[in-house]
Amino acid sequence: MTAAPAPDRYISFADIDVEGNMAAVMRHLDRYLGDPAHANALWERFRRRLAKAEADAVPVADKLLLLHAHVYYMVELFEDHDDTAALAALAKLEEECF
């Protein structure tokens, strides 16, 4: 039995769990954003924009765009904490969904 080919966003987004990938990254990010030690103007603005994106009529697209726009900040945050699991989830989101 041959394995099914890996999903390829360049061919189709079929079989790519965009919402699941976003949720995985958000679970990691929420650990930091919920900690007052990591509070700053950037992440406070991100949280406001995230709340708005989740309330919009097309929340997946808006949330995906917001995550995409902040990917380098998330990489820095996760690298600063040697959070390899978060970096792996973010890399999967980038590779499959951005």
C-alpha atoms as a PDB file:
ATOM      1  CA  MET A   1       0.000   0.000   0.000  1.00  0.00           C
ATOM      2  CA  THR A   2       1.487   3.336  -1.034  1.00  0.00           C
ATOM      3  CA  ALA A   3       1.201   6.364   1.167  1.00  0.00           C
ATOM      4  CA  ALA A   4      -0.934   9.245  -0.010  1.00  0.00           C
ATOM      5  CA  PRO A   5       1.106  12.195  -1.214  1.00  0.00           C
ATOM      6  CA  ALA A   6       1.537  15.032   1.259  1.00  0.00           C
ATOM      7  CA  PRO A   7      -0.804  17.973   0.730  1.00  0.00           C
ATOM      8  CA  ASP A   8       0.712  20.607  -1.513  1.00  0.00           C
ATOM      9  CA  ARG A   9      -0.614  24.146  -1.274  1.00  0.00           C
ATOM     10  CA  TYR A  10       0.824  24.947  -4.694  1.00  0.00           C
ATOM     11  CA  ILE A  11      -1.494  22.405  -6.279  1.00  0.00           C
ATOM     12  CA  SER A  12      -4.495  22.676  -3.978  1.00  0.00           C
ATOM     13  CA  PHE A  13      -5.345  23.485  -0.401  1.00  0.00           C
ATOM     14  CA  ALA A  14      -7.355  20.251  -0.328  1.00  0.00           C
ATOM     15  CA  ASP A  15      -6.486  18.014   2.625  1.00  0.00           C
ATOM     16  CA  ILE A  16      -4.684  20.857   4.425  1.00  0.00           C
ATOM     17  CA  ASP A  17      -6.098  21.528   7.873  1.00  0.00           C
ATOM     18  CA  VAL A  18      -5.743  25.304   7.809  1.00  0.00           C
ATOM     19  CA  GLU A  19      -7.871  25.832  10.910  1.00  0.00           C
ATOM     20  CA  GLY A  20      -6.084  23.059  12.794  1.00  0.00           C
ATOM     21  CA  ASN A  21      -2.686  24.491  11.884  1.00  0.00           C
ATOM     22  CA  MET A  22      -3.770  27.951  13.038  1.00  0.00           C
ATOM     23  CA  ALA A  23      -5.176  26.525  16.275  1.00  0.00           C
ATOM     24  CA  ALA A  24      -1.912  24.705  17.010  1.00  0.00           C
ATOM     25  CA  VAL A  25       0.089  27.917  16.656  1.00  0.00           C
ATOM     26  CA  MET A  26      -2.462  29.868  18.670  1.00  0.00           C
ATOM     27  CA  ARG A  27      -2.266  27.361  21.559  1.00  0.00           C
ATOM     28  CA  HIS A  28       1.461  28.040  21.783  1.00  0.00           C
ATOM     29  CA  LEU A  29       1.079  31.774  21.323  1.00  0.00           C
ATOM     30  CA  ASP A  30      -1.672  31.996  23.940  1.00  0.00           C
ATOM     31  CA  ARG A  31       0.710  30.702  26.602  1.00  0.00           C
ATOM     32  CA  TYR A  32       2.876  33.765  26.060  1.00  0.00           C
ATOM     33  CA  LEU A  33       0.191  36.340  25.369  1.00  0.00           C
ATOM     34  CA  GLY A  34      -1.628  35.361  28.548  1.00  0.00           C
ATOM     35  CA  ASP A  35       1.501  36.027  30.596  1.00  0.00           C
ATOM     36  CA  PRO A  36       1.848  39.672  31.739  1.00  0.00           C
ATOM     37  CA  ALA A  37       5.635  39.286  31.490  1.00  0.00           C
ATOM     38  CA  HIS A  38       5.259  39.234  27.686  1.00  0.00           C
ATOM     39  CA  ALA A  39       2.835  42.142  27.456  1.00  0.00           C
ATOM     40  CA  ASN A  40       3.826  44.942  25.126  1.00  0.00           C
ATOM     41  CA  ALA A  41       2.170  47.237  22.613  1.00  0.00           C
ATOM     42  CA  LEU A  42       2.769  44.857  19.689  1.00  0.00           C
ATOM     43  CA  TRP A  43       1.099  41.866  21.294  1.00  0.00           C
ATOM     44  CA  GLU A  44      -1.726  43.946  22.773  1.00  0.00           C
ATOM     45  CA  ARG A  45      -2.508  45.272  19.295  1.00  0.00           C
ATOM     46  CA  PHE A  46      -2.251  41.742  17.916  1.00  0.00           C
ATOM     47  CA  ARG A  47      -4.778  40.521  20.503  1.00  0.00           C
ATOM     48  CA  ARG A  48      -7.225  43.315  19.581  1.00  0.00           C
ATOM     49  CA  ARG A  49      -6.867  42.561  15.879  1.00  0.00           C
ATOM     50  CA  LEU A  50      -7.260  38.842  16.552  1.00  0.00           C
ATOM     51  CA  ALA A  51     -10.508  39.446  18.454  1.00  0.00           C
ATOM     52  CA  LYS A  52     -11.771  41.525  15.532  1.00  0.00           C
ATOM     53  CA  ALA A  53     -10.719  38.889  12.994  1.00  0.00           C
ATOM     54  CA  GLU A  54     -12.521  36.180  14.941  1.00  0.00           C
ATOM     55  CA  ALA A  55     -15.678  38.311  15.019  1.00  0.00           C
ATOM     56  CA  ASP A  56     -15.632  39.090  11.280  1.00  0.00           C
ATOM     57  CA  ALA A  57     -17.750  37.333   8.679  1.00  0.00           C
ATOM     58  CA  VAL A  58     -14.680  35.562   7.204  1.00  0.00           C
ATOM     59  CA  PRO A  59     -12.669  34.787  10.350  1.00  0.00           C
ATOM     60  CA  VAL A  60     -10.401  32.097   8.904  1.00  0.00           C
ATOM     61  CA  ALA A  61      -9.036  34.282   6.109  1.00  0.00           C
ATOM     62  CA  ASP A  62      -8.639  37.289   8.391  1.00  0.00           C
ATOM     63  CA  LYS A  63      -6.985  35.266  11.146  1.00  0.00           C
ATOM     64  CA  LEU A  64      -4.656  33.570   8.669  1.00  0.00           C
ATOM     65  CA  LEU A  65      -3.630  36.953   7.274  1.00  0.00           C
ATOM     66  CA  LEU A  66      -3.020  38.290  10.777  1.00  0.00           C
ATOM     67  CA  LEU A  67      -0.852  35.309  11.689  1.00  0.00           C
ATOM     68  CA  HIS A  68       1.025  35.640   8.421  1.00  0.00           C
ATOM     69  CA  ALA A  69       1.709  39.321   9.061  1.00  0.00           C
ATOM     70  CA  HIS A  70       3.170  38.519  12.486  1.00  0.00           C
ATOM     71  CA  VAL A  71       5.136  35.377  11.633  1.00  0.00           C
ATOM     72  CA  TYR A  72       8.573  36.949  12.202  1.00  0.00           C
ATOM     73  CA  TYR A  73       7.519  38.267  15.608  1.00  0.00           C
ATOM     74  CA  MET A  74       6.233  34.832  16.567  1.00  0.00           C
ATOM     75  CA  VAL A  75       9.476  33.211  15.418  1.00  0.00           C
ATOM     76  CA  GLU A  76      11.428  35.645  17.591  1.00  0.00           C
ATOM     77  CA  LEU A  77       9.157  35.019  20.592  1.00  0.00           C
ATOM     78  CA  PHE A  78       9.353  31.237  20.260  1.00  0.00           C
ATOM     79  CA  GLU A  79      13.113  31.270  19.625  1.00  0.00           C
ATOM     80  CA  ASP A  80      13.690  33.498  22.671  1.00  0.00           C
ATOM     81  CA  HIS A  81      12.081  30.751  24.750  1.00  0.00           C
ATOM     82  CA  ASP A  82      13.633  27.793  22.910  1.00  0.00           C
ATOM     83  CA  ASP A  83      10.098  26.599  22.225  1.00  0.00           C
ATOM     84  CA  THR A  84      10.782  23.971  19.593  1.00  0.00           C
ATOM     85  CA  ALA A  85       7.219  22.644  19.615  1.00  0.00           C
ATOM     86  CA  ALA A  86       5.856  26.126  18.876  1.00  0.00           C
ATOM     87  CA  LEU A  87       8.444  26.661  16.146  1.00  0.00           C
ATOM     88  CA  ALA A  88       7.489  23.329  14.558  1.00  0.00           C
ATOM     89  CA  ALA A  89       3.782  24.232  14.611  1.00  0.00           C
ATOM     90  CA  LEU A  90       4.573  27.624  13.094  1.00  0.00           C
ATOM     91  CA  ALA A  91       6.777  26.056  10.411  1.00  0.00           C
ATOM     92  CA  LYS A  92       3.939  23.691   9.473  1.00  0.00           C
ATOM     93  CA  LEU A  93       1.488  26.608   9.269  1.00  0.00           C
ATOM     94  CA  GLU A  94       3.927  28.543   7.083  1.00  0.00           C
ATOM     95  CA  GLU A  95       4.702  25.630   4.791  1.00  0.00           C
ATOM     96  CA  GLU A  96       1.145  24.463   4.276  1.00  0.00           C
ATOM     97  CA  CYS A  97      -0.916  27.635   4.541  1.00  0.00           C
ATOM     98  CA  PHE A  98       1.041  30.809   3.738  1.00  0.00           C
END
